[in-house]
Amino acid sequence: MATEISAPRRAVWEAITDPEQERHWRPGVSDRLDDSPGDEQGRHRYRLRLHDVPVVLDKLLIESTVQEQLRSELRFGLFRFEESFSLFPAAHAHTRLGLKVIAPNQMPVVGGQLDRFDVRRFATDLASVTLQAVRDWCERGEAPELELPRLPMVGDNRRA
């Protein structure tokens, strides 16, 4: 998935790499944890509310090419996935921001697991909300009021 942001590539890069900015735009995050090991190890920790359940979001840098690509592993609750941002120049000093969320075929949840269709839907919804949050932050300079996508219930056979 991708979106065009009305901001220069440098500003978008700073938004996705600066933990102080990220704590404002990332959906569900309420604060950065003081005991976060920080930049020297490429790891950041945040308080996150996953549908009224407080959890810790642990983000670990995997790969980075300045103003081009940022790949990280994210963990919160039982969920682990990779998030890969790609930045490209666009017309009128805008930036095209791509995001790929790579999740396993199944995710454990309390009382069972989500199958690949539920995981795919969750990953797609997560990428969409994340891109919207970064775009809103870069263009308006204010924290967006977005929630993390809802997880389907285990055993819920209804498909949207």
Protein backbone atom coordinates (compact mmCIF):
# COMPACT_ATOMS: atom_id res chain seq x y z
CA MET A 1 0.00 0.00 0.00
CA ALA A 2 1.13 3.57 -0.55
CA THR A 3 0.05 7.17 -0.12
CA GLU A 4 1.25 10.54 -1.38
CA ILE A 5 2.19 13.00 1.34
CA SER A 6 2.30 16.74 0.85
CA ALA A 7 5.70 17.07 2.53
CA PRO A 8 9.34 16.72 1.46
CA ARG A 9 10.99 13.31 1.78
CA ARG A 10 13.26 14.52 4.59
CA ALA A 11 10.25 15.50 6.76
CA VAL A 12 8.52 12.16 6.15
CA TRP A 13 11.75 10.31 6.95
CA GLU A 14 12.07 12.19 10.24
CA ALA A 15 8.46 11.41 11.12
CA ILE A 16 8.96 7.65 10.74
CA THR A 17 12.43 7.51 12.36
CA ASP A 18 12.18 10.01 15.24
CA PRO A 19 10.71 8.22 18.29
CA GLU A 20 9.34 11.49 19.68
CA GLN A 21 7.36 12.12 16.50
CA GLU A 22 6.32 8.47 16.23
CA ARG A 23 4.77 8.50 19.69
CA HIS A 24 2.40 11.20 18.41
CA TRP A 25 1.30 9.71 15.10
CA ARG A 26 1.36 5.94 15.69
CA PRO A 27 -2.21 4.72 16.38
CA GLY A 28 -2.79 3.39 19.89
CA VAL A 29 0.47 4.79 21.35
CA SER A 30 0.07 6.92 24.46
CA ASP A 31 3.70 7.46 25.49
CA ARG A 32 7.30 6.44 24.97
CA LEU A 33 8.67 4.35 27.81
CA ASP A 34 11.49 6.02 29.77
CA ASP A 35 13.43 2.76 30.06
CA SER A 36 13.58 2.42 26.27
CA PRO A 37 17.12 1.47 25.24
CA GLY A 38 16.79 4.02 22.44
CA ASP A 39 18.66 4.82 19.26
CA GLU A 40 22.02 3.27 20.12
CA GLN A 41 20.51 -0.20 19.66
CA GLY A 42 17.76 0.71 17.21
CA ARG A 43 15.07 -0.31 19.69
CA HIS A 44 12.19 1.79 20.98
CA ARG A 45 9.39 0.94 23.38
CA TYR A 46 6.00 2.60 23.71
CA ARG A 47 2.84 2.24 25.77
CA LEU A 48 0.06 1.03 23.52
CA ARG A 49 -3.64 0.44 24.03
CA LEU A 50 -4.86 -2.49 21.99
CA HIS A 51 -8.64 -2.03 22.27
CA ASP A 52 -8.60 -1.06 25.94
CA VAL A 53 -5.85 -3.54 26.83
CA PRO A 54 -2.55 -1.87 27.81
CA VAL A 55 0.48 -3.51 26.17
CA VAL A 56 4.04 -2.56 25.30
CA LEU A 57 4.95 -1.91 21.67
CA ASP A 58 8.54 -3.00 21.12
CA LYS A 59 10.08 -1.78 17.85
CA LEU A 60 13.43 -3.09 16.66
CA LEU A 61 15.25 -1.64 13.64
CA ILE A 62 16.25 -4.30 11.11
CA GLU A 63 17.46 -2.23 8.14
CA SER A 64 17.67 1.42 7.20
CA THR A 65 18.73 3.36 4.09
CA VAL A 66 18.45 7.08 4.86
CA GLN A 67 15.38 8.69 3.24
CA GLU A 68 14.72 5.53 1.20
CA GLN A 69 13.81 2.50 3.30
CA LEU A 70 13.10 1.62 6.92
CA ARG A 71 12.42 -1.96 7.97
CA SER A 72 11.55 -2.83 11.57
CA GLU A 73 10.15 -5.68 13.61
CA LEU A 74 7.20 -4.73 15.82
CA ARG A 75 5.90 -6.72 18.76
CA PHE A 76 2.90 -5.98 20.93
CA GLY A 77 1.01 -8.48 22.98
CA LEU A 78 1.21 -11.79 21.14
CA PHE A 79 1.66 -10.15 17.73
CA ARG A 80 4.94 -9.96 15.82
CA PHE A 81 5.34 -8.61 12.31
CA GLU A 82 7.67 -6.64 10.07
CA GLU A 83 6.91 -3.16 8.85
CA SER A 84 8.77 -1.92 5.78
CA PHE A 85 8.49 1.74 4.70
CA SER A 86 9.76 2.90 1.29
CA LEU A 87 10.05 6.59 0.35
CA PHE A 88 10.04 7.94 -3.21
CA PRO A 89 10.02 11.52 -4.51
CA ALA A 90 6.75 12.68 -6.03
CA ALA A 91 5.71 15.78 -7.97
CA HIS A 92 5.64 19.21 -6.32
CA ALA A 93 8.10 18.26 -3.52
CA HIS A 94 5.70 15.61 -2.23
CA THR A 95 6.69 12.15 -1.05
CA ARG A 96 5.25 8.80 -1.99
CA LEU A 97 5.33 6.58 1.10
CA GLY A 98 4.89 2.85 0.66
CA LEU A 99 4.28 0.41 3.48
CA LYS A 100 4.43 -3.35 3.51
CA VAL A 101 3.37 -5.28 6.61
CA ILE A 102 4.78 -8.80 6.70
CA ALA A 103 3.00 -11.07 9.17
CA PRO A 104 3.11 -14.83 9.69
CA ASN A 105 0.31 -17.00 8.23
CA GLN A 106 -1.16 -17.43 11.70
CA MET A 107 -1.13 -15.25 14.80
CA PRO A 108 -1.69 -16.58 18.30
CA VAL A 109 -4.44 -15.01 20.38
CA VAL A 110 -5.81 -15.93 23.76
CA GLY A 111 -7.92 -19.01 23.25
CA GLY A 112 -6.74 -19.89 19.73
CA GLN A 113 -5.17 -18.35 16.66
CA LEU A 114 -6.08 -16.20 13.70
CA ASP A 115 -5.87 -17.91 10.32
CA ARG A 116 -4.14 -16.47 7.25
CA PHE A 117 -7.27 -14.68 5.99
CA ASP A 118 -7.80 -12.89 9.30
CA VAL A 119 -4.08 -12.09 9.54
CA ARG A 120 -4.08 -10.71 5.97
CA ARG A 121 -7.10 -8.51 6.73
CA PHE A 122 -5.51 -7.27 9.98
CA ALA A 123 -2.19 -6.52 8.19
CA THR A 124 -3.97 -4.66 5.38
CA ASP A 125 -6.05 -2.62 7.83
CA LEU A 126 -2.95 -1.90 9.93
CA ALA A 127 -0.99 -0.67 6.89
CA SER A 128 -3.88 1.57 5.84
CA VAL A 129 -4.29 3.16 9.28
CA THR A 130 -0.51 3.61 9.67
CA LEU A 131 -0.15 5.34 6.29
CA GLN A 132 -3.07 7.64 7.07
CA ALA A 133 -1.54 8.49 10.46
CA VAL A 134 1.88 9.36 8.99
CA ARG A 135 0.25 11.44 6.23
CA ASP A 136 -1.93 13.36 8.72
CA TRP A 137 1.05 13.99 11.00
CA CYS A 138 3.32 15.22 8.19
CA GLU A 139 0.71 17.40 6.52
CA ARG A 140 -1.06 18.86 9.56
CA GLY A 141 1.52 18.55 12.33
CA GLU A 142 -1.05 17.21 14.74
CA ALA A 143 -1.69 13.81 16.21
CA PRO A 144 -4.38 11.95 14.28
CA GLU A 145 -7.28 10.36 16.21
CA LEU A 146 -6.97 6.88 14.74
CA GLU A 147 -7.42 3.49 16.38
CA LEU A 148 -5.67 0.24 15.64
CA PRO A 149 -7.75 -2.08 13.46
CA ARG A 150 -10.08 -4.49 15.22
CA LEU A 151 -9.07 -8.11 15.43
CA PRO A 152 -11.63 -10.70 14.36
CA MET A 153 -12.87 -13.10 17.00
CA VAL A 154 -11.44 -16.62 16.96
CA GLY A 155 -13.97 -18.92 15.32
CA ASP A 156 -15.84 -16.00 13.69
CA ASN A 157 -16.53 -17.34 10.19
CA ARG A 158 -18.00 -14.10 8.90
CA ARG A 159 -15.75 -12.48 6.30
CA ALA A 160 -16.04 -8.78 5.52
